[in-house]
Amino acid sequence: MKKIILHAFVIVAIAISFGSCTKETIQEITGSMKATIDGTAWEATLASQAATKYGDYIAVGGYNIAGQKILIAIYGLTVGTYDLSILEGSTKVGSFFIESKDGAESERFISSAGQVEITSIDEKRISGTFHFTAVKTAKGITTKEITAGEFKNVLIISAK
């Protein structure tokens, strides 16, 4: 997980070097990621989205300026639909994080049901759609509905 976050920050550093580029130009370089969370629009901050590939495993994620992060991790590198559930031994999961601004523990939600569909993938880019119900069980049960999710032409970084 730390490698995924590290790779995302590398993408951010690269994008910052394109400071004079327009939003559309940066999206052409890094791709885009958006969703609706409990009825509220969410979009990854420019250049914060990235996909990290480890063998046949890929994680696609992004975060926004409010510290909200969406991460989708699956074992499979082909076009198709994958279930996102918390079944024992599952290799596919959707996550939603809310980072704490005051040093307290971050809120972490894990998918209990949902799907991700990879609509296109090659050695450099991945696109698809997703939706899932995310559950947090600390201090009672809380859920978040992640709907209308889309990642488009997100840059893939291969981790060794």
C-alpha atoms as a PDB file:
ATOM      1  CA  MET A   1       0.000   0.000   0.000  1.00  0.00           C
ATOM      2  CA  LYS A   2       2.846   2.392   0.814  1.00  0.00           C
ATOM      3  CA  LYS A   3       4.336   1.754  -2.641  1.00  0.00           C
ATOM      4  CA  ILE A   4       1.017   2.661  -4.262  1.00  0.00           C
ATOM      5  CA  ILE A   5       0.880   5.955  -2.380  1.00  0.00           C
ATOM      6  CA  LEU A   6       4.547   6.637  -3.172  1.00  0.00           C
ATOM      7  CA  HIS A   7       3.921   6.079  -6.879  1.00  0.00           C
ATOM      8  CA  ALA A   8       0.922   8.402  -6.767  1.00  0.00           C
ATOM      9  CA  PHE A   9       3.108  11.128  -5.261  1.00  0.00           C
ATOM     10  CA  VAL A  10       5.670  10.632  -8.034  1.00  0.00           C
ATOM     11  CA  ILE A  11       2.912  11.276 -10.553  1.00  0.00           C
ATOM     12  CA  VAL A  12       1.936  14.428  -8.655  1.00  0.00           C
ATOM     13  CA  ALA A  13       5.534  15.681  -8.730  1.00  0.00           C
ATOM     14  CA  ILE A  14       5.715  15.097 -12.464  1.00  0.00           C
ATOM     15  CA  ALA A  15       2.441  16.906 -13.018  1.00  0.00           C
ATOM     16  CA  ILE A  16       3.571  19.882 -10.934  1.00  0.00           C
ATOM     17  CA  SER A  17       6.453  20.288 -13.357  1.00  0.00           C
ATOM     18  CA  PHE A  18       3.798  20.919 -16.004  1.00  0.00           C
ATOM     19  CA  GLY A  19       2.614  24.013 -14.088  1.00  0.00           C
ATOM     20  CA  SER A  20       1.817  26.033 -17.188  1.00  0.00           C
ATOM     21  CA  CYS A  21      -0.292  23.272 -18.729  1.00  0.00           C
ATOM     22  CA  THR A  22      -4.080  23.488 -18.928  1.00  0.00           C
ATOM     23  CA  LYS A  23      -6.390  21.089 -17.068  1.00  0.00           C
ATOM     24  CA  GLU A  24      -7.078  19.246 -20.317  1.00  0.00           C
ATOM     25  CA  THR A  25      -3.356  18.867 -21.072  1.00  0.00           C
ATOM     26  CA  ILE A  26      -2.645  17.461 -17.601  1.00  0.00           C
ATOM     27  CA  GLN A  27      -5.576  15.022 -17.930  1.00  0.00           C
ATOM     28  CA  GLU A  28      -4.145  13.831 -21.240  1.00  0.00           C
ATOM     29  CA  ILE A  29      -0.899  13.060 -19.393  1.00  0.00           C
ATOM     30  CA  THR A  30      -2.248  11.543 -16.152  1.00  0.00           C
ATOM     31  CA  GLY A  31      -5.876  10.651 -16.900  1.00  0.00           C
ATOM     32  CA  SER A  32      -8.891  11.397 -14.725  1.00  0.00           C
ATOM     33  CA  MET A  33     -10.927   9.805 -11.945  1.00  0.00           C
ATOM     34  CA  LYS A  34     -14.353  10.770 -10.624  1.00  0.00           C
ATOM     35  CA  ALA A  35     -17.309   9.329  -8.709  1.00  0.00           C
ATOM     36  CA  THR A  36     -20.299  10.253  -6.588  1.00  0.00           C
ATOM     37  CA  ILE A  37     -20.006   9.645  -2.837  1.00  0.00           C
ATOM     38  CA  ASP A  38     -23.341   9.564  -1.000  1.00  0.00           C
ATOM     39  CA  GLY A  39     -24.831  11.784  -3.691  1.00  0.00           C
ATOM     40  CA  THR A  40     -21.980  14.324  -3.731  1.00  0.00           C
ATOM     41  CA  ALA A  41     -19.685  14.705  -6.745  1.00  0.00           C
ATOM     42  CA  TRP A  42     -16.044  13.731  -6.137  1.00  0.00           C
ATOM     43  CA  GLU A  43     -13.129  14.217  -8.523  1.00  0.00           C
ATOM     44  CA  ALA A  44      -9.475  13.386  -8.066  1.00  0.00           C
ATOM     45  CA  THR A  45      -7.240  16.422  -7.938  1.00  0.00           C
ATOM     46  CA  LEU A  46      -5.359  16.914 -11.192  1.00  0.00           C
ATOM     47  CA  ALA A  47      -2.473  14.486 -11.466  1.00  0.00           C
ATOM     48  CA  SER A  48      -3.288  12.666  -8.218  1.00  0.00           C
ATOM     49  CA  GLN A  49      -4.699   9.601  -9.946  1.00  0.00           C
ATOM     50  CA  ALA A  50      -2.411   6.731 -10.851  1.00  0.00           C
ATOM     51  CA  ALA A  51      -2.480   3.001 -11.439  1.00  0.00           C
ATOM     52  CA  THR A  52       0.252   0.769 -10.061  1.00  0.00           C
ATOM     53  CA  LYS A  53       0.810  -2.677 -11.525  1.00  0.00           C
ATOM     54  CA  TYR A  54       2.477  -5.548  -9.615  1.00  0.00           C
ATOM     55  CA  GLY A  55       2.523  -8.591 -11.878  1.00  0.00           C
ATOM     56  CA  ASP A  56      -1.162  -9.441 -12.506  1.00  0.00           C
ATOM     57  CA  TYR A  57      -2.366  -7.144  -9.717  1.00  0.00           C
ATOM     58  CA  ILE A  58      -3.347  -3.518 -10.385  1.00  0.00           C
ATOM     59  CA  ALA A  59      -4.429  -0.714  -8.059  1.00  0.00           C
ATOM     60  CA  VAL A  60      -6.108   2.412  -9.433  1.00  0.00           C
ATOM     61  CA  GLY A  61      -6.504   5.344  -7.085  1.00  0.00           C
ATOM     62  CA  GLY A  62      -6.854   9.076  -6.687  1.00  0.00           C
ATOM     63  CA  TYR A  63      -7.452  11.698  -4.023  1.00  0.00           C
ATOM     64  CA  ASN A  64      -8.905  15.180  -3.805  1.00  0.00           C
ATOM     65  CA  ILE A  65      -7.919  18.343  -2.000  1.00  0.00           C
ATOM     66  CA  ALA A  66     -10.249  17.475   0.907  1.00  0.00           C
ATOM     67  CA  GLY A  67      -8.151  14.379   1.677  1.00  0.00           C
ATOM     68  CA  GLN A  68     -10.679  11.871   0.352  1.00  0.00           C
ATOM     69  CA  LYS A  69      -9.121   8.914  -1.464  1.00  0.00           C
ATOM     70  CA  ILE A  70     -10.598   6.155  -3.598  1.00  0.00           C
ATOM     71  CA  LEU A  71      -8.542   3.046  -4.287  1.00  0.00           C
ATOM     72  CA  ILE A  72      -9.605   0.045  -6.340  1.00  0.00           C
ATOM     73  CA  ALA A  73      -7.369  -3.020  -6.255  1.00  0.00           C
ATOM     74  CA  ILE A  74      -7.948  -6.118  -8.368  1.00  0.00           C
ATOM     75  CA  TYR A  75      -6.126  -9.218  -9.463  1.00  0.00           C
ATOM     76  CA  GLY A  76      -6.655  -9.197 -13.199  1.00  0.00           C
ATOM     77  CA  LEU A  77      -5.293  -7.243 -16.128  1.00  0.00           C
ATOM     78  CA  THR A  78      -7.906  -7.883 -18.779  1.00  0.00           C
ATOM     79  CA  VAL A  79     -11.021  -6.090 -19.978  1.00  0.00           C
ATOM     80  CA  GLY A  80     -13.964  -7.376 -17.957  1.00  0.00           C
ATOM     81  CA  THR A  81     -16.112  -6.989 -14.868  1.00  0.00           C
ATOM     82  CA  TYR A  82     -14.782  -7.801 -11.390  1.00  0.00           C
ATOM     83  CA  ASP A  83     -16.747  -8.052  -8.144  1.00  0.00           C
ATOM     84  CA  LEU A  84     -15.596  -5.887  -5.242  1.00  0.00           C
ATOM     85  CA  SER A  85     -16.546  -7.689  -2.061  1.00  0.00           C
ATOM     86  CA  ILE A  86     -15.147  -8.608   1.310  1.00  0.00           C
ATOM     87  CA  LEU A  87     -15.352 -12.331   0.724  1.00  0.00           C
ATOM     88  CA  GLU A  88     -12.658 -14.224   2.564  1.00  0.00           C
ATOM     89  CA  GLY A  89      -9.578 -14.451   0.396  1.00  0.00           C
ATOM     90  CA  SER A  90     -10.882 -11.912  -2.113  1.00  0.00           C
ATOM     91  CA  THR A  91      -8.202 -10.315  -4.277  1.00  0.00           C
ATOM     92  CA  LYS A  92     -10.474  -7.489  -5.407  1.00  0.00           C
ATOM     93  CA  VAL A  93     -11.422  -4.566  -3.193  1.00  0.00           C
ATOM     94  CA  GLY A  94     -12.618  -0.988  -3.342  1.00  0.00           C
ATOM     95  CA  SER A  95     -11.593   1.418  -0.597  1.00  0.00           C
ATOM     96  CA  PHE A  96     -12.532   4.914   0.469  1.00  0.00           C
ATOM     97  CA  PHE A  97     -10.376   6.911   2.894  1.00  0.00           C
ATOM     98  CA  ILE A  98     -10.901  10.241   4.633  1.00  0.00           C
ATOM     99  CA  GLU A  99      -7.594  11.631   5.853  1.00  0.00           C
ATOM    100  CA  SER A 100      -7.564  13.333   9.223  1.00  0.00           C
ATOM    101  CA  LYS A 101      -6.450  16.949   9.265  1.00  0.00           C
ATOM    102  CA  ASP A 102      -5.747  17.028  13.014  1.00  0.00           C
ATOM    103  CA  GLY A 103      -3.500  13.993  13.385  1.00  0.00           C
ATOM    104  CA  ALA A 104      -6.307  11.657  14.483  1.00  0.00           C
ATOM    105  CA  GLU A 105      -6.701   8.283  12.824  1.00  0.00           C
ATOM    106  CA  SER A 106      -7.987   8.400   9.254  1.00  0.00           C
ATOM    107  CA  GLU A 107     -11.368   6.900   8.432  1.00  0.00           C
ATOM    108  CA  ARG A 108     -11.112   3.752   6.306  1.00  0.00           C
ATOM    109  CA  PHE A 109     -14.000   2.168   4.437  1.00  0.00           C
ATOM    110  CA  ILE A 110     -13.740  -1.170   2.579  1.00  0.00           C
ATOM    111  CA  SER A 111     -16.104  -2.407  -0.134  1.00  0.00           C
ATOM    112  CA  SER A 112     -18.734  -4.898   0.959  1.00  0.00           C
ATOM    113  CA  ALA A 113     -20.359  -5.170  -2.477  1.00  0.00           C
ATOM    114  CA  GLY A 114     -19.918  -3.611  -5.898  1.00  0.00           C
ATOM    115  CA  GLN A 115     -18.138  -3.948  -9.206  1.00  0.00           C
ATOM    116  CA  VAL A 116     -15.353  -2.495 -11.288  1.00  0.00           C
ATOM    117  CA  GLU A 117     -15.371  -2.862 -15.054  1.00  0.00           C
ATOM    118  CA  ILE A 118     -12.114  -2.459 -16.933  1.00  0.00           C
ATOM    119  CA  THR A 119     -13.174  -1.115 -20.332  1.00  0.00           C
ATOM    120  CA  SER A 120      -9.677  -0.725 -21.780  1.00  0.00           C
ATOM    121  CA  ILE A 121      -6.149  -1.514 -20.682  1.00  0.00           C
ATOM    122  CA  ASP A 122      -2.732  -1.605 -22.330  1.00  0.00           C
ATOM    123  CA  GLU A 123       0.834  -1.341 -21.034  1.00  0.00           C
ATOM    124  CA  LYS A 124       0.499   2.405 -20.340  1.00  0.00           C
ATOM    125  CA  ARG A 125      -3.169   3.269 -19.633  1.00  0.00           C
ATOM    126  CA  ILE A 126      -6.299   1.904 -17.969  1.00  0.00           C
ATOM    127  CA  SER A 127      -9.942   3.023 -18.155  1.00  0.00           C
ATOM    128  CA  GLY A 128     -13.093   1.731 -16.538  1.00  0.00           C
ATOM    129  CA  THR A 129     -16.119   2.288 -14.335  1.00  0.00           C
ATOM    130  CA  PHE A 130     -16.928   1.311 -10.758  1.00  0.00           C
ATOM    131  CA  HIS A 131     -19.484   1.412  -7.965  1.00  0.00           C
ATOM    132  CA  PHE A 132     -19.445  -0.061  -4.487  1.00  0.00           C
ATOM    133  CA  THR A 133     -20.816   0.147  -0.983  1.00  0.00           C
ATOM    134  CA  ALA A 134     -17.992   0.899   1.427  1.00  0.00           C
ATOM    135  CA  VAL A 135     -18.280  -0.064   5.105  1.00  0.00           C
ATOM    136  CA  LYS A 136     -16.427   1.147   8.193  1.00  0.00           C
ATOM    137  CA  THR A 137     -16.907  -0.960  11.309  1.00  0.00           C
ATOM    138  CA  ALA A 138     -14.878   1.057  13.837  1.00  0.00           C
ATOM    139  CA  LYS A 139     -17.128   2.736  16.423  1.00  0.00           C
ATOM    140  CA  GLY A 140     -20.291   1.262  14.910  1.00  0.00           C
ATOM    141  CA  ILE A 141     -21.149   0.533  11.299  1.00  0.00           C
ATOM    142  CA  THR A 142     -21.030   3.402   8.809  1.00  0.00           C
ATOM    143  CA  THR A 143     -21.467   3.076   5.048  1.00  0.00           C
ATOM    144  CA  LYS A 144     -20.627   5.197   2.013  1.00  0.00           C
ATOM    145  CA  GLU A 145     -22.207   4.653  -1.394  1.00  0.00           C
ATOM    146  CA  ILE A 146     -19.675   5.140  -4.180  1.00  0.00           C
ATOM    147  CA  THR A 147     -21.571   5.396  -7.481  1.00  0.00           C
ATOM    148  CA  ALA A 148     -21.025   6.574 -11.069  1.00  0.00           C
ATOM    149  CA  GLY A 149     -17.286   5.987 -10.687  1.00  0.00           C
ATOM    150  CA  GLU A 150     -15.024   6.363 -13.684  1.00  0.00           C
ATOM    151  CA  PHE A 151     -11.289   6.319 -14.292  1.00  0.00           C
ATOM    152  CA  LYS A 152     -10.222   7.341 -17.761  1.00  0.00           C
ATOM    153  CA  ASN A 153      -6.818   6.911 -19.414  1.00  0.00           C
ATOM    154  CA  VAL A 154      -5.066   6.680 -16.043  1.00  0.00           C
ATOM    155  CA  LEU A 155      -1.321   6.272 -16.351  1.00  0.00           C
ATOM    156  CA  ILE A 156      -0.001   2.847 -15.279  1.00  0.00           C
ATOM    157  CA  ILE A 157       3.229   2.667 -13.307  1.00  0.00           C
ATOM    158  CA  SER A 158       4.835  -0.761 -13.127  1.00  0.00           C
ATOM    159  CA  ALA A 159       6.325  -1.628  -9.760  1.00  0.00           C
ATOM    160  CA  LYS A 160       9.159  -4.118  -9.635  1.00  0.00           C
END
